[in-house]
PDB file of N, CA and C in Angstrom:
ATOM      1  N   UNK A   1     -40.611  28.845 -40.728  1.00  0.00           N
ATOM      2  CA  UNK A   1     -41.654  28.250 -39.914  1.00  0.00           C
ATOM      3  C   UNK A   1     -41.445  26.730 -39.891  1.00  0.00           C
ATOM      4  N   UNK A   2     -41.466  26.140 -38.697  1.00  0.00           N
ATOM      5  CA  UNK A   2     -41.251  24.701 -38.619  1.00  0.00           C
ATOM      6  C   UNK A   2     -42.557  23.937 -38.818  1.00  0.00           C
ATOM      7  N   UNK A   3     -42.425  22.637 -38.953  1.00  0.00           N
ATOM      8  CA  UNK A   3     -43.574  21.788 -39.264  1.00  0.00           C
ATOM      9  C   UNK A   3     -44.617  21.795 -38.148  1.00  0.00           C
ATOM     10  N   UNK A   4     -44.175  21.897 -36.892  1.00  0.00           N
ATOM     11  CA  UNK A   4     -45.119  21.937 -35.770  1.00  0.00           C
ATOM     12  C   UNK A   4     -45.995  23.179 -35.856  1.00  0.00           C
ATOM     13  N   UNK A   5     -45.391  24.318 -36.140  1.00  0.00           N
ATOM     14  CA  UNK A   5     -46.160  25.556 -36.247  1.00  0.00           C
ATOM     15  C   UNK A   5     -47.147  25.489 -37.406  1.00  0.00           C
ATOM     16  N   UNK A   6     -46.738  24.859 -38.514  1.00  0.00           N
ATOM     17  CA  UNK A   6     -47.651  24.699 -39.650  1.00  0.00           C
ATOM     18  C   UNK A   6     -48.843  23.826 -39.268  1.00  0.00           C
ATOM     19  N   UNK A   7     -48.585  22.758 -38.531  1.00  0.00           N
ATOM     20  CA  UNK A   7     -49.666  21.865 -38.107  1.00  0.00           C
ATOM     21  C   UNK A   7     -50.596  22.563 -37.113  1.00  0.00           C
ATOM     22  N   UNK A   8     -50.024  23.388 -36.239  1.00  0.00           N
ATOM     23  CA  UNK A   8     -50.841  24.104 -35.254  1.00  0.00           C
ATOM     24  C   UNK A   8     -51.809  25.073 -35.917  1.00  0.00           C
ATOM     25  N   UNK A   9     -51.421  25.630 -37.059  1.00  0.00           N
ATOM     26  CA  UNK A   9     -52.315  26.538 -37.789  1.00  0.00           C
ATOM     27  C   UNK A   9     -53.586  25.826 -38.248  1.00  0.00           C
ATOM     28  N   UNK A  10     -53.478  24.510 -38.471  1.00  0.00           N
ATOM     29  CA  UNK A  10     -54.615  23.736 -38.957  1.00  0.00           C
ATOM     30  C   UNK A  10     -55.558  23.308 -37.826  1.00  0.00           C
ATOM     31  N   UNK A  11     -55.129  23.475 -36.567  1.00  0.00           N
ATOM     32  CA  UNK A  11     -55.958  23.085 -35.429  1.00  0.00           C
ATOM     33  C   UNK A  11     -56.756  24.308 -34.973  1.00  0.00           C
ATOM     34  N   UNK A  12     -58.076  24.240 -35.071  1.00  0.00           N
ATOM     35  CA  UNK A  12     -58.889  25.419 -34.756  1.00  0.00           C
ATOM     36  C   UNK A  12     -58.896  25.785 -33.276  1.00  0.00           C
ATOM     37  N   UNK A  13     -58.636  24.841 -32.394  1.00  0.00           N
ATOM     38  CA  UNK A  13     -58.722  25.087 -30.956  1.00  0.00           C
ATOM     39  C   UNK A  13     -57.428  25.675 -30.405  1.00  0.00           C
ATOM     40  N   UNK A  14     -57.552  26.545 -29.426  1.00  0.00           N
ATOM     41  CA  UNK A  14     -56.377  27.083 -28.746  1.00  0.00           C
ATOM     42  C   UNK A  14     -56.118  26.322 -27.440  1.00  0.00           C
ATOM     43  N   UNK A  15     -56.924  25.294 -27.165  1.00  0.00           N
ATOM     44  CA  UNK A  15     -56.775  24.450 -25.986  1.00  0.00           C
ATOM     45  C   UNK A  15     -55.492  23.633 -26.104  1.00  0.00           C
ATOM     46  N   UNK A  16     -54.590  23.740 -25.124  1.00  0.00           N
ATOM     47  CA  UNK A  16     -53.303  23.053 -25.164  1.00  0.00           C
ATOM     48  C   UNK A  16     -53.472  21.542 -25.269  1.00  0.00           C
ATOM     49  N   UNK A  17     -54.393  20.970 -24.508  1.00  0.00           N
ATOM     50  CA  UNK A  17     -54.604  19.524 -24.557  1.00  0.00           C
ATOM     51  C   UNK A  17     -55.022  19.071 -25.955  1.00  0.00           C
ATOM     52  N   UNK A  18     -55.899  19.811 -26.575  1.00  0.00           N
ATOM     53  CA  UNK A  18     -56.349  19.475 -27.932  1.00  0.00           C
ATOM     54  C   UNK A  18     -55.204  19.597 -28.930  1.00  0.00           C
ATOM     55  N   UNK A  19     -54.405  20.629 -28.814  1.00  0.00           N
ATOM     56  CA  UNK A  19     -53.269  20.816 -29.716  1.00  0.00           C
ATOM     57  C   UNK A  19     -52.259  19.675 -29.577  1.00  0.00           C
ATOM     58  N   UNK A  20     -51.889  19.357 -28.347  1.00  0.00           N
ATOM     59  CA  UNK A  20     -50.913  18.282 -28.114  1.00  0.00           C
ATOM     60  C   UNK A  20     -51.465  16.953 -28.620  1.00  0.00           C
ATOM     61  N   UNK A  21     -52.723  16.658 -28.327  1.00  0.00           N
ATOM     62  CA  UNK A  21     -53.342  15.397 -28.766  1.00  0.00           C
ATOM     63  C   UNK A  21     -53.335  15.286 -30.285  1.00  0.00           C
ATOM     64  N   UNK A  22     -53.725  16.337 -30.962  1.00  0.00           N
ATOM     65  CA  UNK A  22     -53.780  16.302 -32.433  1.00  0.00           C
ATOM     66  C   UNK A  22     -52.390  16.145 -33.040  1.00  0.00           C
ATOM     67  N   UNK A  23     -51.407  16.878 -32.504  1.00  0.00           N
ATOM     68  CA  UNK A  23     -50.036  16.763 -33.006  1.00  0.00           C
ATOM     69  C   UNK A  23     -49.485  15.362 -32.763  1.00  0.00           C
ATOM     70  N   UNK A  24     -49.746  14.820 -31.585  1.00  0.00           N
ATOM     71  CA  UNK A  24     -49.284  13.461 -31.277  1.00  0.00           C
ATOM     72  C   UNK A  24     -49.955  12.424 -32.173  1.00  0.00           C
ATOM     73  N   UNK A  25     -51.240  12.606 -32.458  1.00  0.00           N
ATOM     74  CA  UNK A  25     -51.935  11.699 -33.376  1.00  0.00           C
ATOM     75  C   UNK A  25     -51.309  11.753 -34.767  1.00  0.00           C
ATOM     76  N   UNK A  26     -50.963  12.945 -35.229  1.00  0.00           N
ATOM     77  CA  UNK A  26     -50.326  13.090 -36.540  1.00  0.00           C
ATOM     78  C   UNK A  26     -48.967  12.403 -36.572  1.00  0.00           C
ATOM     79  N   UNK A  27     -48.194  12.574 -35.508  1.00  0.00           N
ATOM     80  CA  UNK A  27     -46.875  11.929 -35.425  1.00  0.00           C
ATOM     81  C   UNK A  27     -47.035  10.414 -35.389  1.00  0.00           C
ATOM     82  N   UNK A  28     -47.993   9.947 -34.610  1.00  0.00           N
ATOM     83  CA  UNK A  28     -48.245   8.511 -34.503  1.00  0.00           C
ATOM     84  C   UNK A  28     -48.650   7.911 -35.848  1.00  0.00           C
ATOM     85  N   UNK A  29     -49.500   8.605 -36.587  1.00  0.00           N
ATOM     86  CA  UNK A  29     -49.898   8.150 -37.918  1.00  0.00           C
ATOM     87  C   UNK A  29     -48.699   8.082 -38.855  1.00  0.00           C
ATOM     88  N   UNK A  30     -47.839   9.073 -38.766  1.00  0.00           N
ATOM     89  CA  UNK A  30     -46.646   9.134 -39.617  1.00  0.00           C
ATOM     90  C   UNK A  30     -45.664   8.008 -39.275  1.00  0.00           C
ATOM     91  N   UNK A  31     -45.490   7.720 -37.994  1.00  0.00           N
ATOM     92  CA  UNK A  31     -44.560   6.679 -37.534  1.00  0.00           C
ATOM     93  C   UNK A  31     -45.061   5.279 -37.882  1.00  0.00           C
ATOM     94  N   UNK A  32     -46.362   5.093 -37.861  1.00  0.00           N
ATOM     95  CA  UNK A  32     -46.920   3.770 -38.116  1.00  0.00           C
ATOM     96  C   UNK A  32     -46.896   2.920 -36.855  1.00  0.00           C
ATOM     97  N   UNK A  33     -47.373   1.670 -36.963  1.00  0.00           N
ATOM     98  CA  UNK A  33     -47.432   0.811 -35.776  1.00  0.00           C
ATOM     99  C   UNK A  33     -46.029   0.398 -35.314  1.00  0.00           C
ATOM    100  N   UNK A  34     -45.905   0.163 -34.020  1.00  0.00           N
ATOM    101  CA  UNK A  34     -44.633  -0.272 -33.441  1.00  0.00           C
ATOM    102  C   UNK A  34     -44.341  -1.711 -33.845  1.00  0.00           C
ATOM    103  N   UNK A  35     -43.081  -2.075 -33.779  1.00  0.00           N
ATOM    104  CA  UNK A  35     -42.684  -3.446 -34.100  1.00  0.00           C
ATOM    105  C   UNK A  35     -43.256  -4.427 -33.077  1.00  0.00           C
ATOM    106  N   UNK A  36     -43.275  -4.022 -31.817  1.00  0.00           N
ATOM    107  CA  UNK A  36     -43.790  -4.860 -30.731  1.00  0.00           C
ATOM    108  C   UNK A  36     -45.107  -4.268 -30.221  1.00  0.00           C
ATOM    109  N   UNK A  37     -46.152  -4.456 -30.984  1.00  0.00           N
ATOM    110  CA  UNK A  37     -47.451  -3.843 -30.691  1.00  0.00           C
ATOM    111  C   UNK A  37     -47.995  -4.268 -29.329  1.00  0.00           C
ATOM    112  N   UNK A  38     -47.768  -5.510 -28.919  1.00  0.00           N
ATOM    113  CA  UNK A  38     -48.297  -6.003 -27.641  1.00  0.00           C
ATOM    114  C   UNK A  38     -47.730  -5.261 -26.439  1.00  0.00           C
ATOM    115  N   UNK A  39     -46.594  -4.605 -26.606  1.00  0.00           N
ATOM    116  CA  UNK A  39     -45.943  -3.914 -25.504  1.00  0.00           C
ATOM    117  C   UNK A  39     -46.205  -2.404 -25.519  1.00  0.00           C
ATOM    118  N   UNK A  40     -46.887  -1.915 -26.527  1.00  0.00           N
ATOM    119  CA  UNK A  40     -47.144  -0.487 -26.642  1.00  0.00           C
ATOM    120  C   UNK A  40     -48.019  -0.012 -25.490  1.00  0.00           C
ATOM    121  N   UNK A  41     -47.545   0.980 -24.726  1.00  0.00           N
ATOM    122  CA  UNK A  41     -48.370   1.519 -23.634  1.00  0.00           C
ATOM    123  C   UNK A  41     -49.644   2.151 -24.195  1.00  0.00           C
ATOM    124  N   UNK A  42     -50.756   1.876 -23.550  1.00  0.00           N
ATOM    125  CA  UNK A  42     -52.032   2.445 -23.986  1.00  0.00           C
ATOM    126  C   UNK A  42     -52.765   3.034 -22.791  1.00  0.00           C
ATOM    127  N   UNK A  43     -53.621   3.962 -23.068  1.00  0.00           N
ATOM    128  CA  UNK A  43     -54.433   4.589 -22.029  1.00  0.00           C
ATOM    129  C   UNK A  43     -54.920   5.934 -22.519  1.00  0.00           C
ATOM    130  N   UNK A  44     -55.922   6.486 -21.864  1.00  0.00           N
ATOM    131  CA  UNK A  44     -56.508   7.746 -22.321  1.00  0.00           C
ATOM    132  C   UNK A  44     -55.558   8.937 -22.209  1.00  0.00           C
ATOM    133  N   UNK A  45     -54.539   8.842 -21.351  1.00  0.00           N
ATOM    134  CA  UNK A  45     -53.629   9.965 -21.159  1.00  0.00           C
ATOM    135  C   UNK A  45     -52.272   9.762 -21.811  1.00  0.00           C
ATOM    136  N   UNK A  46     -52.090   8.664 -22.524  1.00  0.00           N
ATOM    137  CA  UNK A  46     -50.872   8.456 -23.296  1.00  0.00           C
ATOM    138  C   UNK A  46     -51.164   8.959 -24.705  1.00  0.00           C
ATOM    139  N   UNK A  47     -50.609  10.118 -25.014  1.00  0.00           N
ATOM    140  CA  UNK A  47     -50.898  10.757 -26.296  1.00  0.00           C
ATOM    141  C   UNK A  47     -49.997  10.240 -27.407  1.00  0.00           C
ATOM    142  N   UNK A  48     -48.790   9.798 -27.067  1.00  0.00           N
ATOM    143  CA  UNK A  48     -47.841   9.351 -28.082  1.00  0.00           C
ATOM    144  C   UNK A  48     -46.924   8.314 -27.476  1.00  0.00           C
ATOM    145  N   UNK A  49     -46.671   7.218 -28.182  1.00  0.00           N
ATOM    146  CA  UNK A  49     -45.741   6.174 -27.743  1.00  0.00           C
ATOM    147  C   UNK A  49     -44.900   5.759 -28.952  1.00  0.00           C
ATOM    148  N   UNK A  50     -43.583   5.993 -28.852  1.00  0.00           N
ATOM    149  CA  UNK A  50     -42.654   5.668 -29.928  1.00  0.00           C
ATOM    150  C   UNK A  50     -41.665   4.625 -29.403  1.00  0.00           C
ATOM    151  N   UNK A  51     -41.501   3.539 -30.146  1.00  0.00           N
ATOM    152  CA  UNK A  51     -40.574   2.488 -29.734  1.00  0.00           C
ATOM    153  C   UNK A  51     -39.130   2.961 -29.901  1.00  0.00           C
ATOM    154  N   UNK A  52     -38.298   2.672 -28.893  1.00  0.00           N
ATOM    155  CA  UNK A  52     -36.884   3.047 -28.907  1.00  0.00           C
ATOM    156  C   UNK A  52     -36.038   1.847 -28.517  1.00  0.00           C
ATOM    157  N   UNK A  53     -34.732   2.048 -28.509  1.00  0.00           N
ATOM    158  CA  UNK A  53     -33.820   1.003 -28.047  1.00  0.00           C
ATOM    159  C   UNK A  53     -33.968   0.850 -26.542  1.00  0.00           C
ATOM    160  N   UNK A  54     -33.886  -0.375 -26.078  1.00  0.00           N
ATOM    161  CA  UNK A  54     -33.878  -0.619 -24.648  1.00  0.00           C
ATOM    162  C   UNK A  54     -32.475  -0.437 -24.093  1.00  0.00           C
ATOM    163  N   UNK A  55     -32.378  -0.308 -22.797  1.00  0.00           N
ATOM    164  CA  UNK A  55     -31.063  -0.155 -22.174  1.00  0.00           C
ATOM    165  C   UNK A  55     -30.472  -1.511 -21.785  1.00  0.00           C
ATOM    166  N   UNK A  56     -31.276  -2.543 -21.725  1.00  0.00           N
ATOM    167  CA  UNK A  56     -30.828  -3.891 -21.379  1.00  0.00           C
ATOM    168  C   UNK A  56     -31.061  -4.821 -22.568  1.00  0.00           C
ATOM    169  N   UNK A  57     -30.369  -5.932 -22.586  1.00  0.00           N
ATOM    170  CA  UNK A  57     -30.526  -6.920 -23.655  1.00  0.00           C
ATOM    171  C   UNK A  57     -31.963  -7.454 -23.655  1.00  0.00           C
ATOM    172  N   UNK A  58     -32.546  -7.550 -24.808  1.00  0.00           N
ATOM    173  CA  UNK A  58     -33.908  -8.052 -25.035  1.00  0.00           C
ATOM    174  C   UNK A  58     -35.006  -7.119 -24.526  1.00  0.00           C
ATOM    175  N   UNK A  59     -34.658  -5.936 -24.033  1.00  0.00           N
ATOM    176  CA  UNK A  59     -35.666  -5.009 -23.513  1.00  0.00           C
ATOM    177  C   UNK A  59     -36.400  -4.332 -24.672  1.00  0.00           C
ATOM    178  N   UNK A  60     -37.700  -4.236 -24.542  1.00  0.00           N
ATOM    179  CA  UNK A  60     -38.529  -3.495 -25.488  1.00  0.00           C
ATOM    180  C   UNK A  60     -38.911  -2.205 -24.778  1.00  0.00           C
ATOM    181  N   UNK A  61     -38.625  -1.076 -25.398  1.00  0.00           N
ATOM    182  CA  UNK A  61     -38.788   0.204 -24.713  1.00  0.00           C
ATOM    183  C   UNK A  61     -39.581   1.191 -25.560  1.00  0.00           C
ATOM    184  N   UNK A  62     -40.358   2.027 -24.892  1.00  0.00           N
ATOM    185  CA  UNK A  62     -41.149   3.068 -25.541  1.00  0.00           C
ATOM    186  C   UNK A  62     -40.947   4.383 -24.811  1.00  0.00           C
ATOM    187  N   UNK A  63     -40.904   5.456 -25.569  1.00  0.00           N
ATOM    188  CA  UNK A  63     -40.891   6.797 -25.001  1.00  0.00           C
ATOM    189  C   UNK A  63     -42.260   7.404 -25.287  1.00  0.00           C
ATOM    190  N   UNK A  64     -42.860   8.012 -24.265  1.00  0.00           N
ATOM    191  CA  UNK A  64     -44.243   8.483 -24.387  1.00  0.00           C
ATOM    192  C   UNK A  64     -44.413   9.939 -23.958  1.00  0.00           C
ATOM    193  N   UNK A  65     -45.417  10.574 -24.543  1.00  0.00           N
ATOM    194  CA  UNK A  65     -45.921  11.849 -24.059  1.00  0.00           C
ATOM    195  C   UNK A  65     -47.206  11.516 -23.314  1.00  0.00           C
ATOM    196  N   UNK A  66     -47.228  11.840 -22.025  1.00  0.00           N
ATOM    197  CA  UNK A  66     -48.396  11.540 -21.195  1.00  0.00           C
ATOM    198  C   UNK A  66     -48.941  12.811 -20.562  1.00  0.00           C
ATOM    199  N   UNK A  67     -50.250  12.871 -20.471  1.00  0.00           N
ATOM    200  CA  UNK A  67     -50.898  13.976 -19.760  1.00  0.00           C
ATOM    201  C   UNK A  67     -51.138  13.520 -18.326  1.00  0.00           C
ATOM    202  N   UNK A  68     -50.642  14.296 -17.374  1.00  0.00           N
ATOM    203  CA  UNK A  68     -50.868  13.975 -15.964  1.00  0.00           C
ATOM    204  C   UNK A  68     -52.177  14.572 -15.467  1.00  0.00           C
ATOM    205  N   UNK A  69     -52.454  15.776 -15.900  1.00  0.00           N
ATOM    206  CA  UNK A  69     -53.714  16.458 -15.601  1.00  0.00           C
ATOM    207  C   UNK A  69     -53.889  17.520 -16.679  1.00  0.00           C
ATOM    208  N   UNK A  70     -54.949  18.244 -16.631  1.00  0.00           N
ATOM    209  CA  UNK A  70     -55.207  19.236 -17.671  1.00  0.00           C
ATOM    210  C   UNK A  70     -54.005  20.157 -17.843  1.00  0.00           C
ATOM    211  N   UNK A  71     -53.495  20.209 -19.060  1.00  0.00           N
ATOM    212  CA  UNK A  71     -52.383  21.060 -19.476  1.00  0.00           C
ATOM    213  C   UNK A  71     -51.089  20.816 -18.689  1.00  0.00           C
ATOM    214  N   UNK A  72     -50.896  19.606 -18.186  1.00  0.00           N
ATOM    215  CA  UNK A  72     -49.661  19.229 -17.500  1.00  0.00           C
ATOM    216  C   UNK A  72     -49.199  17.890 -18.063  1.00  0.00           C
ATOM    217  N   UNK A  73     -47.950  17.855 -18.555  1.00  0.00           N
ATOM    218  CA  UNK A  73     -47.439  16.698 -19.279  1.00  0.00           C
ATOM    219  C   UNK A  73     -46.135  16.181 -18.707  1.00  0.00           C
ATOM    220  N   UNK A  74     -45.881  14.896 -18.967  1.00  0.00           N
ATOM    221  CA  UNK A  74     -44.600  14.283 -18.650  1.00  0.00           C
ATOM    222  C   UNK A  74     -44.139  13.497 -19.877  1.00  0.00           C
ATOM    223  N   UNK A  75     -42.847  13.244 -19.922  1.00  0.00           N
ATOM    224  CA  UNK A  75     -42.289  12.289 -20.876  1.00  0.00           C
ATOM    225  C   UNK A  75     -41.990  11.057 -20.037  1.00  0.00           C
ATOM    226  N   UNK A  76     -42.406   9.897 -20.501  1.00  0.00           N
ATOM    227  CA  UNK A  76     -42.181   8.679 -19.731  1.00  0.00           C
ATOM    228  C   UNK A  76     -41.540   7.615 -20.606  1.00  0.00           C
ATOM    229  N   UNK A  77     -40.810   6.720 -19.941  1.00  0.00           N
ATOM    230  CA  UNK A  77     -40.213   5.582 -20.642  1.00  0.00           C
ATOM    231  C   UNK A  77     -40.829   4.322 -20.067  1.00  0.00           C
ATOM    232  N   UNK A  78     -41.323   3.474 -20.946  1.00  0.00           N
ATOM    233  CA  UNK A  78     -41.954   2.214 -20.574  1.00  0.00           C
ATOM    234  C   UNK A  78     -41.106   1.078 -21.133  1.00  0.00           C
ATOM    235  N   UNK A  79     -40.986  -0.006 -20.385  1.00  0.00           N
ATOM    236  CA  UNK A  79     -40.192  -1.138 -20.840  1.00  0.00           C
ATOM    237  C   UNK A  79     -40.892  -2.456 -20.545  1.00  0.00           C
ATOM    238  N   UNK A  80     -40.575  -3.447 -21.358  1.00  0.00           N
ATOM    239  CA  UNK A  80     -41.077  -4.803 -21.166  1.00  0.00           C
ATOM    240  C   UNK A  80     -40.061  -5.787 -21.724  1.00  0.00           C
ATOM    241  N   UNK A  81     -40.268  -7.062 -21.431  1.00  0.00           N
ATOM    242  CA  UNK A  81     -39.345  -8.104 -21.879  1.00  0.00           C
ATOM    243  C   UNK A  81     -40.131  -9.227 -22.542  1.00  0.00           C
ATOM    244  N   UNK A  82     -39.685  -9.676 -23.717  1.00  0.00           N
ATOM    245  CA  UNK A  82     -40.433 -10.701 -24.451  1.00  0.00           C
ATOM    246  C   UNK A  82     -40.442 -12.072 -23.781  1.00  0.00           C
ATOM    247  N   UNK A  83     -39.515 -12.344 -22.902  1.00  0.00           N
ATOM    248  CA  UNK A  83     -39.466 -13.653 -22.258  1.00  0.00           C
ATOM    249  C   UNK A  83     -40.376 -13.744 -21.032  1.00  0.00           C
ATOM    250  N   UNK A  84     -40.969 -12.645 -20.633  1.00  0.00           N
ATOM    251  CA  UNK A  84     -41.901 -12.672 -19.504  1.00  0.00           C
ATOM    252  C   UNK A  84     -43.278 -13.088 -20.013  1.00  0.00           C
ATOM    253  N   UNK A  85     -44.019 -13.755 -19.166  1.00  0.00           N
ATOM    254  CA  UNK A  85     -45.329 -14.253 -19.554  1.00  0.00           C
ATOM    255  C   UNK A  85     -46.299 -13.138 -19.934  1.00  0.00           C
ATOM    256  N   UNK A  86     -46.323 -12.079 -19.134  1.00  0.00           N
ATOM    257  CA  UNK A  86     -47.210 -10.950 -19.409  1.00  0.00           C
ATOM    258  C   UNK A  86     -46.626 -10.105 -20.530  1.00  0.00           C
ATOM    259  N   UNK A  87     -47.361  -9.966 -21.599  1.00  0.00           N
ATOM    260  CA  UNK A  87     -46.864  -9.168 -22.718  1.00  0.00           C
ATOM    261  C   UNK A  87     -47.371  -7.738 -22.600  1.00  0.00           C
ATOM    262  N   UNK A  88     -46.730  -7.004 -21.707  1.00  0.00           N
ATOM    263  CA  UNK A  88     -47.031  -5.586 -21.572  1.00  0.00           C
ATOM    264  C   UNK A  88     -45.817  -4.889 -20.997  1.00  0.00           C
ATOM    265  N   UNK A  89     -45.842  -3.597 -21.055  1.00  0.00           N
ATOM    266  CA  UNK A  89     -44.716  -2.830 -20.540  1.00  0.00           C
ATOM    267  C   UNK A  89     -45.135  -2.050 -19.297  1.00  0.00           C
ATOM    268  N   UNK A  90     -44.135  -1.595 -18.549  1.00  0.00           N
ATOM    269  CA  UNK A  90     -44.360  -0.862 -17.317  1.00  0.00           C
ATOM    270  C   UNK A  90     -43.569   0.437 -17.359  1.00  0.00           C
ATOM    271  N   UNK A  91     -44.101   1.470 -16.729  1.00  0.00           N
ATOM    272  CA  UNK A  91     -43.374   2.741 -16.678  1.00  0.00           C
ATOM    273  C   UNK A  91     -42.162   2.566 -15.776  1.00  0.00           C
ATOM    274  N   UNK A  92     -40.993   2.922 -16.320  1.00  0.00           N
ATOM    275  CA  UNK A  92     -39.757   2.773 -15.556  1.00  0.00           C
ATOM    276  C   UNK A  92     -39.103   4.114 -15.239  1.00  0.00           C
ATOM    277  N   UNK A  93     -39.475   5.167 -15.931  1.00  0.00           N
ATOM    278  CA  UNK A  93     -38.911   6.490 -15.675  1.00  0.00           C
ATOM    279  C   UNK A  93     -39.864   7.546 -16.210  1.00  0.00           C
ATOM    280  N   UNK A  94     -39.772   8.745 -15.634  1.00  0.00           N
ATOM    281  CA  UNK A  94     -40.576   9.851 -16.156  1.00  0.00           C
ATOM    282  C   UNK A  94     -39.847  11.161 -15.900  1.00  0.00           C
ATOM    283  N   UNK A  95     -40.116  12.129 -16.757  1.00  0.00           N
ATOM    284  CA  UNK A  95     -39.519  13.448 -16.661  1.00  0.00           C
ATOM    285  C   UNK A  95     -40.642  14.474 -16.736  1.00  0.00           C
ATOM    286  N   UNK A  96     -40.730  15.305 -15.726  1.00  0.00           N
ATOM    287  CA  UNK A  96     -41.766  16.325 -15.665  1.00  0.00           C
ATOM    288  C   UNK A  96     -41.414  17.476 -16.603  1.00  0.00           C
ATOM    289  N   UNK A  97     -42.391  17.986 -17.283  1.00  0.00           N
ATOM    290  CA  UNK A  97     -42.208  19.126 -18.182  1.00  0.00           C
ATOM    291  C   UNK A  97     -42.761  20.364 -17.482  1.00  0.00           C
ATOM    292  N   UNK A  98     -41.934  21.003 -16.687  1.00  0.00           N
ATOM    293  CA  UNK A  98     -42.409  22.125 -15.877  1.00  0.00           C
ATOM    294  C   UNK A  98     -42.417  23.455 -16.620  1.00  0.00           C
ATOM    295  N   UNK A  99     -41.459  23.656 -17.518  1.00  0.00           N
ATOM    296  CA  UNK A  99     -41.385  24.943 -18.216  1.00  0.00           C
ATOM    297  C   UNK A  99     -41.970  24.885 -19.618  1.00  0.00           C
ATOM    298  N   UNK A 100     -42.348  23.698 -20.054  1.00  0.00           N
ATOM    299  CA  UNK A 100     -42.908  23.545 -21.396  1.00  0.00           C
ATOM    300  C   UNK A 100     -44.409  23.783 -21.338  1.00  0.00           C
ATOM    301  N   UNK A 101     -44.824  24.989 -21.709  1.00  0.00           N
ATOM    302  CA  UNK A 101     -46.235  25.357 -21.591  1.00  0.00           C
ATOM    303  C   UNK A 101     -46.911  25.593 -22.935  1.00  0.00           C
ATOM    304  N   UNK A 102     -46.261  25.167 -24.002  1.00  0.00           N
ATOM    305  CA  UNK A 102     -46.883  25.223 -25.326  1.00  0.00           C
ATOM    306  C   UNK A 102     -46.696  23.864 -25.999  1.00  0.00           C
ATOM    307  N   UNK A 103     -47.545  23.563 -26.966  1.00  0.00           N
ATOM    308  CA  UNK A 103     -47.444  22.297 -27.687  1.00  0.00           C
ATOM    309  C   UNK A 103     -46.084  22.163 -28.365  1.00  0.00           C
ATOM    310  N   UNK A 104     -45.582  23.251 -28.910  1.00  0.00           N
ATOM    311  CA  UNK A 104     -44.282  23.235 -29.582  1.00  0.00           C
ATOM    312  C   UNK A 104     -43.176  22.851 -28.610  1.00  0.00           C
ATOM    313  N   UNK A 105     -43.138  23.470 -27.442  1.00  0.00           N
ATOM    314  CA  UNK A 105     -42.097  23.179 -26.450  1.00  0.00           C
ATOM    315  C   UNK A 105     -42.189  21.742 -25.938  1.00  0.00           C
ATOM    316  N   UNK A 106     -43.397  21.244 -25.755  1.00  0.00           N
ATOM    317  CA  UNK A 106     -43.593  19.877 -25.281  1.00  0.00           C
ATOM    318  C   UNK A 106     -43.036  18.890 -26.294  1.00  0.00           C
ATOM    319  N   UNK A 107     -43.357  19.089 -27.568  1.00  0.00           N
ATOM    320  CA  UNK A 107     -42.893  18.155 -28.590  1.00  0.00           C
ATOM    321  C   UNK A 107     -41.405  18.300 -28.874  1.00  0.00           C
ATOM    322  N   UNK A 108     -40.849  19.473 -28.721  1.00  0.00           N
ATOM    323  CA  UNK A 108     -39.399  19.640 -28.877  1.00  0.00           C
ATOM    324  C   UNK A 108     -38.673  18.916 -27.743  1.00  0.00           C
ATOM    325  N   UNK A 109     -39.184  19.028 -26.517  1.00  0.00           N
ATOM    326  CA  UNK A 109     -38.588  18.313 -25.382  1.00  0.00           C
ATOM    327  C   UNK A 109     -38.659  16.805 -25.610  1.00  0.00           C
ATOM    328  N   UNK A 110     -39.789  16.339 -26.125  1.00  0.00           N
ATOM    329  CA  UNK A 110     -39.949  14.914 -26.427  1.00  0.00           C
ATOM    330  C   UNK A 110     -38.954  14.489 -27.511  1.00  0.00           C
ATOM    331  N   UNK A 111     -38.819  15.288 -28.556  1.00  0.00           N
ATOM    332  CA  UNK A 111     -37.911  14.951 -29.658  1.00  0.00           C
ATOM    333  C   UNK A 111     -36.465  14.861 -29.177  1.00  0.00           C
ATOM    334  N   UNK A 112     -36.061  15.753 -28.296  1.00  0.00           N
ATOM    335  CA  UNK A 112     -34.694  15.714 -27.746  1.00  0.00           C
ATOM    336  C   UNK A 112     -34.469  14.432 -26.946  1.00  0.00           C
ATOM    337  N   UNK A 113     -35.429  14.074 -26.121  1.00  0.00           N
ATOM    338  CA  UNK A 113     -35.308  12.855 -25.312  1.00  0.00           C
ATOM    339  C   UNK A 113     -35.330  11.619 -26.214  1.00  0.00           C
ATOM    340  N   UNK A 114     -36.169  11.622 -27.244  1.00  0.00           N
ATOM    341  CA  UNK A 114     -36.240  10.502 -28.181  1.00  0.00           C
ATOM    342  C   UNK A 114     -34.917  10.338 -28.924  1.00  0.00           C
ATOM    343  N   UNK A 115     -34.346  11.432 -29.337  1.00  0.00           N
ATOM    344  CA  UNK A 115     -33.059  11.404 -30.034  1.00  0.00           C
ATOM    345  C   UNK A 115     -31.983  10.780 -29.125  1.00  0.00           C
ATOM    346  N   UNK A 116     -31.995  11.138 -27.865  1.00  0.00           N
ATOM    347  CA  UNK A 116     -31.049  10.580 -26.909  1.00  0.00           C
ATOM    348  C   UNK A 116     -31.228   9.068 -26.792  1.00  0.00           C
ATOM    349  N   UNK A 117     -32.457   8.602 -26.630  1.00  0.00           N
ATOM    350  CA  UNK A 117     -32.703   7.173 -26.460  1.00  0.00           C
ATOM    351  C   UNK A 117     -32.485   6.371 -27.736  1.00  0.00           C
ATOM    352  N   UNK A 118     -32.588   7.005 -28.874  1.00  0.00           N
ATOM    353  CA  UNK A 118     -32.291   6.304 -30.127  1.00  0.00           C
ATOM    354  C   UNK A 118     -30.809   6.304 -30.426  1.00  0.00           C
ATOM    355  N   UNK A 119     -30.035   7.046 -29.618  1.00  0.00           N
ATOM    356  CA  UNK A 119     -28.585   7.068 -29.777  1.00  0.00           C
ATOM    357  C   UNK A 119     -28.107   7.926 -30.925  1.00  0.00           C
ATOM    358  N   UNK A 120     -28.856   8.965 -31.222  1.00  0.00           N
ATOM    359  CA  UNK A 120     -28.496   9.834 -32.343  1.00  0.00           C
ATOM    360  C   UNK A 120     -27.803  11.092 -31.865  1.00  0.00           C
TER     361      UNK A 120
END
């Protein structure tokens, strides 16, 4: 049994949104705050934001799990630059999760994309 399945046993709700939110909160707590907190994407539908390597020099980048609507999710990449006056990031890419209909599949898809962006 993997760690995601163990965590899901502790969540009393069978609601997909609640499961994904709780799992993302646990991952976020485990990861701790980002190095560039001012650039961390925030919003009610951003369930998880993990800082990754940027593709350009000096780029600050985040990979996120976002809810588009009830029980529909995307993985998005947000980027910002420290030399710009506005200290925030913007969504630069997104990937729709069409076949991922469980919390486990959503987080596995996110982990694969995160591994790619971290260069592992």
